[in-house]
Amino acid sequence: MISFVKTLAMATVAMVPMAAATTAVAEGEKYILVSHAPDSDSWWNTIKNGIALAGEQMNVEVEYRNPPTGDLADMARIIEQAAASGPHGIITTLADPDILSGPIQSAIDSGVDVIIMNTGSPEIARDLGALMYVGQPEYDAGYAAGLRAKGDGIGSFLCVNHYIVQPSSSERCQGFADGLGIELGTQMIDAGQDPSEIKNRVLAYLSANPDTDAVLTLGPVSADPTLLALEENGMAGDIYFGTFDLGGEIVKGIKAGTIEWGIDQQPFLQAYLPVVVMTNYHRYGVLPGNNINSGPGFVTADGLTKIEEFAGEYR
């Protein structure tokens, strides 16, 4: 027993220098997350919570920046400004490669490490020289949803696209159509981001196309007004309704049976994991060998316990 105690004490003493060294390398890292989201989109609160928690746990400085109106040209300037400020790394969405690849490439060429998250693809991240991609392949998610809906007997739909200027949002609608095995055509509408306009445009489309089997929305911005529209025209609970992403009203709709499912891309992980990955890469030189797909996962009424508790915060 004495020998064991002495061994344990020596091991404890031996670990002290290592702890001190870890504290030493924990000083000074700064990471900036740049998103394409406008201030009005509450879905991104989960992203903000993810990066904040990762910063706290990893003992690094983190900052969230975005274009207030969602303007991608403004976002490009924000990426340039972020790179010029000399951070250790930038975590950024890639909503439109034509607009954003240039400033991202410039940041990488200047020596700033970059991880692409949320939008973009592993292929684009690799071509740019980013460390990796963390997110949900949008076309694949839409396709999986289309296959699911096809199995449920759906043959036509309305895709309510509230951010049509972002190519990846259209990929969701196209993937859904391809999963169903039908043409997208005019089934995708430019809904805008004003809740009243979204509601009115959904009502107008369904009035003009009363045989529509399903509605697909792309997040809380379009899902919440669509729920109101379906309540107003009496179709709530009768028309097949699926949505991307989660939020408080979406979770209520799933629980009530108004929404069949929500596609969960786990935005918390999209912000949290890049900070953890970058910190460990800069401190210890370790990096995952593969990109990380955070989604898609389907949330139905059967699996709402934890999600209902943390919707809009960490889910």
C-alpha atoms as a PDB file:
ATOM      1  CA  MET A   1       0.000   0.000   0.000  1.00  0.00           C
ATOM      2  CA  ILE A   2       2.881   2.398   0.867  1.00  0.00           C
ATOM      3  CA  SER A   3       4.445   1.707  -2.514  1.00  0.00           C
ATOM      4  CA  PHE A   4       1.159   2.498  -4.288  1.00  0.00           C
ATOM      5  CA  VAL A   5       0.741   5.796  -2.409  1.00  0.00           C
ATOM      6  CA  LYS A   6       4.331   6.809  -3.185  1.00  0.00           C
ATOM      7  CA  THR A   7       3.795   5.941  -6.859  1.00  0.00           C
ATOM      8  CA  LEU A   8       0.582   7.964  -6.997  1.00  0.00           C
ATOM      9  CA  ALA A   9       2.259  10.944  -5.372  1.00  0.00           C
ATOM     10  CA  MET A  10       5.149  10.812  -7.840  1.00  0.00           C
ATOM     11  CA  ALA A  11       2.690  10.596 -10.743  1.00  0.00           C
ATOM     12  CA  THR A  12       0.817  13.639  -9.429  1.00  0.00           C
ATOM     13  CA  VAL A  13       4.043  15.628  -9.159  1.00  0.00           C
ATOM     14  CA  ALA A  14       5.048  14.509 -12.643  1.00  0.00           C
ATOM     15  CA  MET A  15       1.810  15.833 -14.117  1.00  0.00           C
ATOM     16  CA  VAL A  16       2.240  19.350 -12.752  1.00  0.00           C
ATOM     17  CA  PRO A  17       4.689  20.596 -15.427  1.00  0.00           C
ATOM     18  CA  MET A  18       2.410  19.232 -18.157  1.00  0.00           C
ATOM     19  CA  ALA A  19      -0.562  21.152 -16.758  1.00  0.00           C
ATOM     20  CA  ALA A  20       1.520  24.313 -16.624  1.00  0.00           C
ATOM     21  CA  ALA A  21       2.608  23.803 -20.234  1.00  0.00           C
ATOM     22  CA  THR A  22      -1.002  23.340 -21.340  1.00  0.00           C
ATOM     23  CA  THR A  23      -1.928  26.605 -19.662  1.00  0.00           C
ATOM     24  CA  ALA A  24       0.935  28.346 -21.416  1.00  0.00           C
ATOM     25  CA  VAL A  25      -0.138  27.313 -24.920  1.00  0.00           C
ATOM     26  CA  ALA A  26      -3.750  28.190 -24.133  1.00  0.00           C
ATOM     27  CA  GLU A  27      -2.998  31.898 -24.281  1.00  0.00           C
ATOM     28  CA  GLY A  28      -3.526  34.075 -27.298  1.00  0.00           C
ATOM     29  CA  GLU A  29      -5.589  32.104 -29.820  1.00  0.00           C
ATOM     30  CA  LYS A  30      -8.320  34.110 -31.526  1.00  0.00           C
ATOM     31  CA  TYR A  31     -10.950  32.729 -33.881  1.00  0.00           C
ATOM     32  CA  ILE A  32     -13.540  34.666 -35.865  1.00  0.00           C
ATOM     33  CA  LEU A  33     -16.721  33.069 -37.204  1.00  0.00           C
ATOM     34  CA  VAL A  34     -18.253  34.877 -40.181  1.00  0.00           C
ATOM     35  CA  SER A  35     -21.754  33.909 -41.291  1.00  0.00           C
ATOM     36  CA  HIS A  36     -24.022  35.026 -44.116  1.00  0.00           C
ATOM     37  CA  ALA A  37     -27.021  35.337 -41.809  1.00  0.00           C
ATOM     38  CA  PRO A  38     -28.955  38.586 -41.402  1.00  0.00           C
ATOM     39  CA  ASP A  39     -29.567  39.828 -37.870  1.00  0.00           C
ATOM     40  CA  SER A  40     -33.260  38.914 -38.216  1.00  0.00           C
ATOM     41  CA  ASP A  41     -32.649  35.152 -38.507  1.00  0.00           C
ATOM     42  CA  SER A  42     -32.994  33.696 -34.999  1.00  0.00           C
ATOM     43  CA  TRP A  43     -31.816  30.241 -36.144  1.00  0.00           C
ATOM     44  CA  TRP A  44     -28.250  31.504 -35.844  1.00  0.00           C
ATOM     45  CA  ASN A  45     -28.553  31.993 -32.087  1.00  0.00           C
ATOM     46  CA  THR A  46     -27.572  28.332 -31.753  1.00  0.00           C
ATOM     47  CA  ILE A  47     -24.427  29.027 -33.799  1.00  0.00           C
ATOM     48  CA  LYS A  48     -23.581  31.920 -31.485  1.00  0.00           C
ATOM     49  CA  ASN A  49     -24.093  29.722 -28.428  1.00  0.00           C
ATOM     50  CA  GLY A  50     -21.919  26.984 -29.942  1.00  0.00           C
ATOM     51  CA  ILE A  51     -18.944  29.225 -30.634  1.00  0.00           C
ATOM     52  CA  ALA A  52     -19.265  30.938 -27.245  1.00  0.00           C
ATOM     53  CA  LEU A  53     -19.262  27.648 -25.328  1.00  0.00           C
ATOM     54  CA  ALA A  54     -16.327  26.305 -27.338  1.00  0.00           C
ATOM     55  CA  GLY A  55     -14.367  29.492 -26.666  1.00  0.00           C
ATOM     56  CA  GLU A  56     -15.027  29.197 -22.955  1.00  0.00           C
ATOM     57  CA  GLN A  57     -14.129  25.513 -22.756  1.00  0.00           C
ATOM     58  CA  MET A  58     -10.993  25.804 -24.900  1.00  0.00           C
ATOM     59  CA  ASN A  59      -9.914  29.065 -23.263  1.00  0.00           C
ATOM     60  CA  VAL A  60      -9.638  30.977 -26.541  1.00  0.00           C
ATOM     61  CA  GLU A  61     -11.025  34.281 -27.802  1.00  0.00           C
ATOM     62  CA  VAL A  62     -13.945  33.927 -30.216  1.00  0.00           C
ATOM     63  CA  GLU A  63     -15.935  36.488 -32.161  1.00  0.00           C
ATOM     64  CA  TYR A  64     -19.061  36.280 -34.323  1.00  0.00           C
ATOM     65  CA  ARG A  65     -19.483  38.604 -37.314  1.00  0.00           C
ATOM     66  CA  ASN A  66     -22.184  38.804 -39.986  1.00  0.00           C
ATOM     67  CA  PRO A  67     -23.696  41.194 -42.545  1.00  0.00           C
ATOM     68  CA  PRO A  68     -26.734  42.758 -40.793  1.00  0.00           C
ATOM     69  CA  THR A  69     -28.976  42.424 -43.869  1.00  0.00           C
ATOM     70  CA  GLY A  70     -27.500  39.176 -45.168  1.00  0.00           C
ATOM     71  CA  ASP A  71     -25.820  40.926 -48.107  1.00  0.00           C
ATOM     72  CA  LEU A  72     -23.108  38.614 -49.439  1.00  0.00           C
ATOM     73  CA  ALA A  73     -20.963  41.420 -50.852  1.00  0.00           C
ATOM     74  CA  ASP A  74     -20.938  42.868 -47.345  1.00  0.00           C
ATOM     75  CA  MET A  75     -19.979  39.443 -46.017  1.00  0.00           C
ATOM     76  CA  ALA A  76     -17.040  39.309 -48.433  1.00  0.00           C
ATOM     77  CA  ARG A  77     -15.772  42.581 -46.975  1.00  0.00           C
ATOM     78  CA  ILE A  78     -16.214  41.233 -43.445  1.00  0.00           C
ATOM     79  CA  ILE A  79     -14.050  38.208 -44.302  1.00  0.00           C
ATOM     80  CA  GLU A  80     -11.360  40.527 -45.680  1.00  0.00           C
ATOM     81  CA  GLN A  81     -11.487  42.667 -42.536  1.00  0.00           C
ATOM     82  CA  ALA A  82     -11.390  39.588 -40.309  1.00  0.00           C
ATOM     83  CA  ALA A  83      -8.290  38.269 -42.088  1.00  0.00           C
ATOM     84  CA  ALA A  84      -6.592  41.667 -41.862  1.00  0.00           C
ATOM     85  CA  SER A  85      -7.104  41.699 -38.076  1.00  0.00           C
ATOM     86  CA  GLY A  86      -4.647  38.799 -37.746  1.00  0.00           C
ATOM     87  CA  PRO A  87      -6.653  36.005 -36.111  1.00  0.00           C
ATOM     88  CA  HIS A  88      -5.278  32.490 -35.738  1.00  0.00           C
ATOM     89  CA  GLY A  89      -8.234  31.165 -37.691  1.00  0.00           C
ATOM     90  CA  ILE A  90     -11.461  32.047 -39.486  1.00  0.00           C
ATOM     91  CA  ILE A  91     -14.548  29.856 -39.489  1.00  0.00           C
ATOM     92  CA  THR A  92     -16.865  30.880 -42.294  1.00  0.00           C
ATOM     93  CA  THR A  93     -19.918  29.897 -44.253  1.00  0.00           C
ATOM     94  CA  LEU A  94     -19.645  29.700 -48.038  1.00  0.00           C
ATOM     95  CA  ALA A  95     -23.120  30.701 -49.164  1.00  0.00           C
ATOM     96  CA  ASP A  96     -22.049  31.666 -52.691  1.00  0.00           C
ATOM     97  CA  PRO A  97     -18.654  30.520 -54.001  1.00  0.00           C
ATOM     98  CA  ASP A  98     -18.699  33.124 -56.787  1.00  0.00           C
ATOM     99  CA  ILE A  99     -18.751  35.947 -54.242  1.00  0.00           C
ATOM    100  CA  LEU A 100     -16.935  34.477 -51.259  1.00  0.00           C
ATOM    101  CA  SER A 101     -14.233  32.161 -52.607  1.00  0.00           C
ATOM    102  CA  GLY A 102     -11.947  35.093 -53.451  1.00  0.00           C
ATOM    103  CA  PRO A 103     -11.722  36.643 -49.987  1.00  0.00           C
ATOM    104  CA  ILE A 104     -11.543  33.203 -48.369  1.00  0.00           C
ATOM    105  CA  GLN A 105      -8.690  32.218 -50.675  1.00  0.00           C
ATOM    106  CA  SER A 106      -6.908  35.496 -49.902  1.00  0.00           C
ATOM    107  CA  ALA A 107      -7.224  34.829 -46.167  1.00  0.00           C
ATOM    108  CA  ILE A 108      -5.733  31.352 -46.594  1.00  0.00           C
ATOM    109  CA  ASP A 109      -2.921  32.687 -48.797  1.00  0.00           C
ATOM    110  CA  SER A 110      -2.077  35.237 -46.114  1.00  0.00           C
ATOM    111  CA  GLY A 111      -1.484  32.434 -43.600  1.00  0.00           C
ATOM    112  CA  VAL A 112      -4.836  32.381 -41.789  1.00  0.00           C
ATOM    113  CA  ASP A 113      -6.242  28.895 -41.244  1.00  0.00           C
ATOM    114  CA  VAL A 114      -9.856  28.521 -42.395  1.00  0.00           C
ATOM    115  CA  ILE A 115     -12.596  25.992 -41.734  1.00  0.00           C
ATOM    116  CA  ILE A 116     -15.707  26.121 -43.932  1.00  0.00           C
ATOM    117  CA  MET A 117     -18.915  25.466 -42.029  1.00  0.00           C
ATOM    118  CA  ASN A 118     -22.667  25.270 -42.628  1.00  0.00           C
ATOM    119  CA  THR A 119     -22.716  26.054 -46.348  1.00  0.00           C
ATOM    120  CA  GLY A 120     -20.261  25.036 -49.027  1.00  0.00           C
ATOM    121  CA  SER A 121     -18.946  21.520 -49.496  1.00  0.00           C
ATOM    122  CA  PRO A 122     -15.948  19.317 -48.702  1.00  0.00           C
ATOM    123  CA  GLU A 123     -14.857  19.618 -52.342  1.00  0.00           C
ATOM    124  CA  ILE A 124     -14.840  23.429 -52.337  1.00  0.00           C
ATOM    125  CA  ALA A 125     -13.099  23.512 -48.954  1.00  0.00           C
ATOM    126  CA  ARG A 126     -10.380  21.234 -50.312  1.00  0.00           C
ATOM    127  CA  ASP A 127      -9.970  23.271 -53.502  1.00  0.00           C
ATOM    128  CA  LEU A 128      -9.537  26.469 -51.513  1.00  0.00           C
ATOM    129  CA  GLY A 129      -7.016  24.905 -49.147  1.00  0.00           C
ATOM    130  CA  ALA A 130      -9.224  25.128 -46.054  1.00  0.00           C
ATOM    131  CA  LEU A 131      -8.497  22.772 -43.180  1.00  0.00           C
ATOM    132  CA  MET A 132     -11.844  21.011 -43.499  1.00  0.00           C
ATOM    133  CA  TYR A 133     -15.610  21.336 -43.907  1.00  0.00           C
ATOM    134  CA  VAL A 134     -18.123  20.949 -41.073  1.00  0.00           C
ATOM    135  CA  GLY A 135     -21.767  20.972 -42.097  1.00  0.00           C
ATOM    136  CA  GLN A 136     -24.627  19.361 -43.928  1.00  0.00           C
ATOM    137  CA  PRO A 137     -24.422  18.660 -47.678  1.00  0.00           C
ATOM    138  CA  GLU A 138     -27.561  20.542 -48.684  1.00  0.00           C
ATOM    139  CA  TYR A 139     -28.475  18.709 -51.885  1.00  0.00           C
ATOM    140  CA  ASP A 140     -28.001  15.347 -50.150  1.00  0.00           C
ATOM    141  CA  ALA A 141     -30.228  16.457 -47.282  1.00  0.00           C
ATOM    142  CA  GLY A 142     -32.935  17.593 -49.685  1.00  0.00           C
ATOM    143  CA  TYR A 143     -32.662  14.351 -51.617  1.00  0.00           C
ATOM    144  CA  ALA A 144     -32.995  12.265 -48.451  1.00  0.00           C
ATOM    145  CA  ALA A 145     -36.071  14.280 -47.501  1.00  0.00           C
ATOM    146  CA  GLY A 146     -37.536  13.763 -50.973  1.00  0.00           C
ATOM    147  CA  LEU A 147     -37.042  10.006 -50.741  1.00  0.00           C
ATOM    148  CA  ARG A 148     -38.750  10.021 -47.358  1.00  0.00           C
ATOM    149  CA  ALA A 149     -41.681  12.041 -48.686  1.00  0.00           C
ATOM    150  CA  LYS A 150     -41.965   9.818 -51.760  1.00  0.00           C
ATOM    151  CA  GLY A 151     -42.251   6.818 -49.467  1.00  0.00           C
ATOM    152  CA  ASP A 152     -45.099   8.653 -47.734  1.00  0.00           C
ATOM    153  CA  GLY A 153     -46.958   9.024 -51.025  1.00  0.00           C
ATOM    154  CA  ILE A 154     -46.041  12.625 -51.934  1.00  0.00           C
ATOM    155  CA  GLY A 155     -46.011  13.573 -55.623  1.00  0.00           C
ATOM    156  CA  SER A 156     -46.005  17.393 -55.659  1.00  0.00           C
ATOM    157  CA  PHE A 157     -44.888  20.146 -53.307  1.00  0.00           C
ATOM    158  CA  LEU A 158     -44.278  23.812 -52.631  1.00  0.00           C
ATOM    159  CA  CYS A 159     -40.755  24.797 -51.600  1.00  0.00           C
ATOM    160  CA  VAL A 160     -40.830  28.067 -49.649  1.00  0.00           C
ATOM    161  CA  ASN A 161     -37.370  29.529 -50.266  1.00  0.00           C
ATOM    162  CA  HIS A 162     -36.766  32.547 -48.035  1.00  0.00           C
ATOM    163  CA  TYR A 163     -33.144  33.058 -49.117  1.00  0.00           C
ATOM    164  CA  ILE A 164     -33.153  32.367 -52.834  1.00  0.00           C
ATOM    165  CA  VAL A 165     -29.995  34.416 -53.479  1.00  0.00           C
ATOM    166  CA  GLN A 166     -28.037  31.744 -51.609  1.00  0.00           C
ATOM    167  CA  PRO A 167     -27.369  28.839 -54.008  1.00  0.00           C
ATOM    168  CA  SER A 168     -27.314  26.219 -51.260  1.00  0.00           C
ATOM    169  CA  SER A 169     -30.924  26.998 -50.340  1.00  0.00           C
ATOM    170  CA  SER A 170     -32.036  26.137 -53.875  1.00  0.00           C
ATOM    171  CA  GLU A 171     -30.019  22.915 -53.622  1.00  0.00           C
ATOM    172  CA  ARG A 172     -32.344  21.862 -50.816  1.00  0.00           C
ATOM    173  CA  CYS A 173     -35.410  22.342 -53.010  1.00  0.00           C
ATOM    174  CA  GLN A 174     -33.773  20.662 -56.036  1.00  0.00           C
ATOM    175  CA  GLY A 175     -32.661  17.710 -53.952  1.00  0.00           C
ATOM    176  CA  PHE A 176     -36.193  17.276 -52.610  1.00  0.00           C
ATOM    177  CA  ALA A 177     -37.630  17.301 -56.140  1.00  0.00           C
ATOM    178  CA  ASP A 178     -35.046  14.780 -57.334  1.00  0.00           C
ATOM    179  CA  GLY A 179     -35.789  12.537 -54.365  1.00  0.00           C
ATOM    180  CA  LEU A 180     -39.441  12.595 -55.346  1.00  0.00           C
ATOM    181  CA  GLY A 181     -38.447  11.916 -58.957  1.00  0.00           C
ATOM    182  CA  ILE A 182     -40.181  15.013 -60.347  1.00  0.00           C
ATOM    183  CA  GLU A 183     -39.205  18.334 -61.914  1.00  0.00           C
ATOM    184  CA  LEU A 184     -38.726  21.276 -59.558  1.00  0.00           C
ATOM    185  CA  GLY A 185     -40.098  23.746 -62.090  1.00  0.00           C
ATOM    186  CA  THR A 186     -42.271  26.447 -60.532  1.00  0.00           C
ATOM    187  CA  GLN A 187     -42.750  24.556 -57.261  1.00  0.00           C
ATOM    188  CA  MET A 188     -40.053  26.709 -55.614  1.00  0.00           C
ATOM    189  CA  ILE A 189     -41.099  30.272 -54.788  1.00  0.00           C
ATOM    190  CA  ASP A 190     -39.015  33.276 -53.788  1.00  0.00           C
ATOM    191  CA  ALA A 191     -40.714  33.978 -50.464  1.00  0.00           C
ATOM    192  CA  GLY A 192     -38.507  36.817 -49.237  1.00  0.00           C
ATOM    193  CA  GLN A 193     -37.835  37.266 -45.534  1.00  0.00           C
ATOM    194  CA  ASP A 194     -40.734  39.402 -44.381  1.00  0.00           C
ATOM    195  CA  PRO A 195     -43.094  37.160 -42.347  1.00  0.00           C
ATOM    196  CA  SER A 196     -46.261  38.780 -43.722  1.00  0.00           C
ATOM    197  CA  GLU A 197     -45.040  38.435 -47.304  1.00  0.00           C
ATOM    198  CA  ILE A 198     -44.071  34.802 -46.761  1.00  0.00           C
ATOM    199  CA  LYS A 199     -47.499  34.023 -45.353  1.00  0.00           C
ATOM    200  CA  ASN A 200     -49.294  35.779 -48.219  1.00  0.00           C
ATOM    201  CA  ARG A 201     -47.180  34.112 -50.906  1.00  0.00           C
ATOM    202  CA  VAL A 202     -47.809  30.664 -49.415  1.00  0.00           C
ATOM    203  CA  LEU A 203     -51.537  31.365 -49.289  1.00  0.00           C
ATOM    204  CA  ALA A 204     -51.519  32.604 -52.890  1.00  0.00           C
ATOM    205  CA  TYR A 205     -49.607  29.567 -54.187  1.00  0.00           C
ATOM    206  CA  LEU A 206     -51.824  27.039 -52.416  1.00  0.00           C
ATOM    207  CA  SER A 207     -54.933  28.869 -53.579  1.00  0.00           C
ATOM    208  CA  ALA A 208     -53.720  28.701 -57.186  1.00  0.00           C
ATOM    209  CA  ASN A 209     -52.493  25.092 -56.772  1.00  0.00           C
ATOM    210  CA  PRO A 210     -55.017  23.405 -54.478  1.00  0.00           C
ATOM    211  CA  ASP A 211     -53.839  19.869 -55.355  1.00  0.00           C
ATOM    212  CA  THR A 212     -50.359  20.442 -53.854  1.00  0.00           C
ATOM    213  CA  ASP A 213     -49.446  17.421 -51.738  1.00  0.00           C
ATOM    214  CA  ALA A 214     -46.774  18.918 -49.499  1.00  0.00           C
ATOM    215  CA  VAL A 215     -45.015  22.024 -48.268  1.00  0.00           C
ATOM    216  CA  LEU A 216     -41.255  22.212 -47.679  1.00  0.00           C
ATOM    217  CA  THR A 217     -39.748  25.148 -45.796  1.00  0.00           C
ATOM    218  CA  LEU A 218     -36.074  25.897 -45.307  1.00  0.00           C
ATOM    219  CA  GLY A 219     -35.930  27.043 -41.685  1.00  0.00           C
ATOM    220  CA  PRO A 220     -37.807  29.017 -39.024  1.00  0.00           C
ATOM    221  CA  VAL A 221     -37.853  32.194 -41.141  1.00  0.00           C
ATOM    222  CA  SER A 222     -40.136  30.509 -43.676  1.00  0.00           C
ATOM    223  CA  ALA A 223     -41.604  27.754 -41.487  1.00  0.00           C
ATOM    224  CA  ASP A 224     -43.175  30.020 -38.858  1.00  0.00           C
ATOM    225  CA  PRO A 225     -45.203  32.174 -41.315  1.00  0.00           C
ATOM    226  CA  THR A 226     -46.125  29.050 -43.293  1.00  0.00           C
ATOM    227  CA  LEU A 227     -47.617  27.543 -40.151  1.00  0.00           C
ATOM    228  CA  LEU A 228     -49.757  30.675 -39.794  1.00  0.00           C
ATOM    229  CA  ALA A 229     -50.801  30.449 -43.439  1.00  0.00           C
ATOM    230  CA  LEU A 230     -51.901  26.832 -43.058  1.00  0.00           C
ATOM    231  CA  GLU A 231     -53.856  27.671 -39.944  1.00  0.00           C
ATOM    232  CA  GLU A 232     -55.602  30.474 -41.821  1.00  0.00           C
ATOM    233  CA  ASN A 233     -56.578  28.401 -44.872  1.00  0.00           C
ATOM    234  CA  GLY A 234     -57.530  25.348 -42.820  1.00  0.00           C
ATOM    235  CA  MET A 235     -54.818  23.062 -44.228  1.00  0.00           C
ATOM    236  CA  ALA A 236     -52.815  22.724 -41.000  1.00  0.00           C
ATOM    237  CA  GLY A 237     -52.530  19.048 -40.155  1.00  0.00           C
ATOM    238  CA  ASP A 238     -54.010  18.006 -43.502  1.00  0.00           C
ATOM    239  CA  ILE A 239     -51.180  18.908 -45.893  1.00  0.00           C
ATOM    240  CA  TYR A 240     -47.842  17.093 -45.607  1.00  0.00           C
ATOM    241  CA  PHE A 241     -45.362  19.574 -44.093  1.00  0.00           C
ATOM    242  CA  GLY A 242     -41.621  19.050 -43.763  1.00  0.00           C
ATOM    243  CA  THR A 243     -38.965  21.600 -42.933  1.00  0.00           C
ATOM    244  CA  PHE A 244     -35.255  22.094 -42.710  1.00  0.00           C
ATOM    245  CA  ASP A 245     -33.822  23.104 -39.360  1.00  0.00           C
ATOM    246  CA  LEU A 246     -35.428  23.512 -35.967  1.00  0.00           C
ATOM    247  CA  GLY A 247     -36.824  26.321 -33.859  1.00  0.00           C
ATOM    248  CA  GLY A 248     -39.363  26.851 -31.115  1.00  0.00           C
ATOM    249  CA  GLU A 249     -42.443  27.023 -33.364  1.00  0.00           C
ATOM    250  CA  ILE A 250     -41.193  24.173 -35.548  1.00  0.00           C
ATOM    251  CA  VAL A 251     -40.813  21.923 -32.514  1.00  0.00           C
ATOM    252  CA  LYS A 252     -44.344  22.851 -31.407  1.00  0.00           C
ATOM    253  CA  GLY A 253     -45.609  22.003 -34.896  1.00  0.00           C
ATOM    254  CA  ILE A 254     -43.877  18.611 -34.850  1.00  0.00           C
ATOM    255  CA  LYS A 255     -45.297  17.867 -31.416  1.00  0.00           C
ATOM    256  CA  ALA A 256     -48.795  18.871 -32.534  1.00  0.00           C
ATOM    257  CA  GLY A 257     -48.593  16.785 -35.714  1.00  0.00           C
ATOM    258  CA  THR A 258     -48.799  19.787 -38.034  1.00  0.00           C
ATOM    259  CA  ILE A 259     -45.216  19.213 -39.206  1.00  0.00           C
ATOM    260  CA  GLU A 260     -44.162  15.691 -40.150  1.00  0.00           C
ATOM    261  CA  TRP A 261     -40.450  16.166 -39.561  1.00  0.00           C
ATOM    262  CA  GLY A 262     -37.648  18.670 -39.231  1.00  0.00           C
ATOM    263  CA  ILE A 263     -34.232  18.105 -40.792  1.00  0.00           C
ATOM    264  CA  ASP A 264     -31.674  18.696 -38.069  1.00  0.00           C
ATOM    265  CA  GLN A 265     -28.247  19.772 -39.318  1.00  0.00           C
ATOM    266  CA  GLN A 266     -27.088  20.380 -35.720  1.00  0.00           C
ATOM    267  CA  PRO A 267     -25.877  23.984 -36.009  1.00  0.00           C
ATOM    268  CA  PHE A 268     -24.402  23.819 -32.531  1.00  0.00           C
ATOM    269  CA  LEU A 269     -21.814  21.332 -33.770  1.00  0.00           C
ATOM    270  CA  GLN A 270     -21.110  23.451 -36.858  1.00  0.00           C
ATOM    271  CA  ALA A 271     -19.853  26.266 -34.639  1.00  0.00           C
ATOM    272  CA  TYR A 272     -18.546  24.297 -31.672  1.00  0.00           C
ATOM    273  CA  LEU A 273     -16.439  21.696 -33.467  1.00  0.00           C
ATOM    274  CA  PRO A 274     -14.385  24.072 -35.671  1.00  0.00           C
ATOM    275  CA  VAL A 275     -13.187  25.962 -32.590  1.00  0.00           C
ATOM    276  CA  VAL A 276     -12.191  22.719 -30.877  1.00  0.00           C
ATOM    277  CA  VAL A 277     -10.525  21.368 -34.030  1.00  0.00           C
ATOM    278  CA  MET A 278      -8.587  24.576 -34.711  1.00  0.00           C
ATOM    279  CA  THR A 279      -7.444  24.958 -31.124  1.00  0.00           C
ATOM    280  CA  ASN A 280      -6.078  21.430 -30.971  1.00  0.00           C
ATOM    281  CA  TYR A 281      -4.496  21.854 -34.404  1.00  0.00           C
ATOM    282  CA  HIS A 282      -2.676  25.020 -33.356  1.00  0.00           C
ATOM    283  CA  ARG A 283      -1.613  23.671 -29.978  1.00  0.00           C
ATOM    284  CA  TYR A 284      -0.721  20.085 -30.787  1.00  0.00           C
ATOM    285  CA  GLY A 285      -0.692  19.748 -34.587  1.00  0.00           C
ATOM    286  CA  VAL A 286      -3.560  17.231 -34.652  1.00  0.00           C
ATOM    287  CA  LEU A 287      -6.305  17.416 -37.288  1.00  0.00           C
ATOM    288  CA  PRO A 288      -9.141  15.000 -38.190  1.00  0.00           C
ATOM    289  CA  GLY A 289      -8.482  13.192 -41.443  1.00  0.00           C
ATOM    290  CA  ASN A 290     -12.019  13.666 -42.733  1.00  0.00           C
ATOM    291  CA  ASN A 291     -14.620  16.381 -43.056  1.00  0.00           C
ATOM    292  CA  ILE A 292     -17.497  16.292 -40.578  1.00  0.00           C
ATOM    293  CA  ASN A 293     -21.103  15.901 -41.701  1.00  0.00           C
ATOM    294  CA  SER A 294     -23.247  17.352 -38.921  1.00  0.00           C
ATOM    295  CA  GLY A 295     -26.466  16.319 -40.676  1.00  0.00           C
ATOM    296  CA  PRO A 296     -28.968  15.478 -41.971  1.00  0.00           C
ATOM    297  CA  GLY A 297     -30.964  13.891 -39.212  1.00  0.00           C
ATOM    298  CA  PHE A 298     -34.753  13.703 -39.117  1.00  0.00           C
ATOM    299  CA  VAL A 299     -36.567  14.889 -36.014  1.00  0.00           C
ATOM    300  CA  THR A 300     -40.080  13.559 -35.522  1.00  0.00           C
ATOM    301  CA  ALA A 301     -42.564  13.612 -32.673  1.00  0.00           C
ATOM    302  CA  ASP A 302     -40.987  10.430 -31.280  1.00  0.00           C
ATOM    303  CA  GLY A 303     -37.664  12.072 -30.413  1.00  0.00           C
ATOM    304  CA  LEU A 304     -38.442  15.497 -29.011  1.00  0.00           C
ATOM    305  CA  THR A 305     -37.480  15.221 -25.340  1.00  0.00           C
ATOM    306  CA  LYS A 306     -34.009  16.798 -25.414  1.00  0.00           C
ATOM    307  CA  ILE A 307     -34.714  18.774 -28.567  1.00  0.00           C
ATOM    308  CA  GLU A 308     -37.785  20.432 -27.085  1.00  0.00           C
ATOM    309  CA  GLU A 309     -35.760  21.419 -24.033  1.00  0.00           C
ATOM    310  CA  PHE A 310     -32.923  23.025 -26.004  1.00  0.00           C
ATOM    311  CA  ALA A 311     -34.600  24.138 -29.253  1.00  0.00           C
ATOM    312  CA  GLY A 312     -33.321  27.525 -30.337  1.00  0.00           C
ATOM    313  CA  GLU A 313     -30.472  27.349 -27.815  1.00  0.00           C
ATOM    314  CA  TYR A 314     -28.339  24.288 -28.522  1.00  0.00           C
ATOM    315  CA  ARG A 315     -30.569  22.388 -31.007  1.00  0.00           C
END
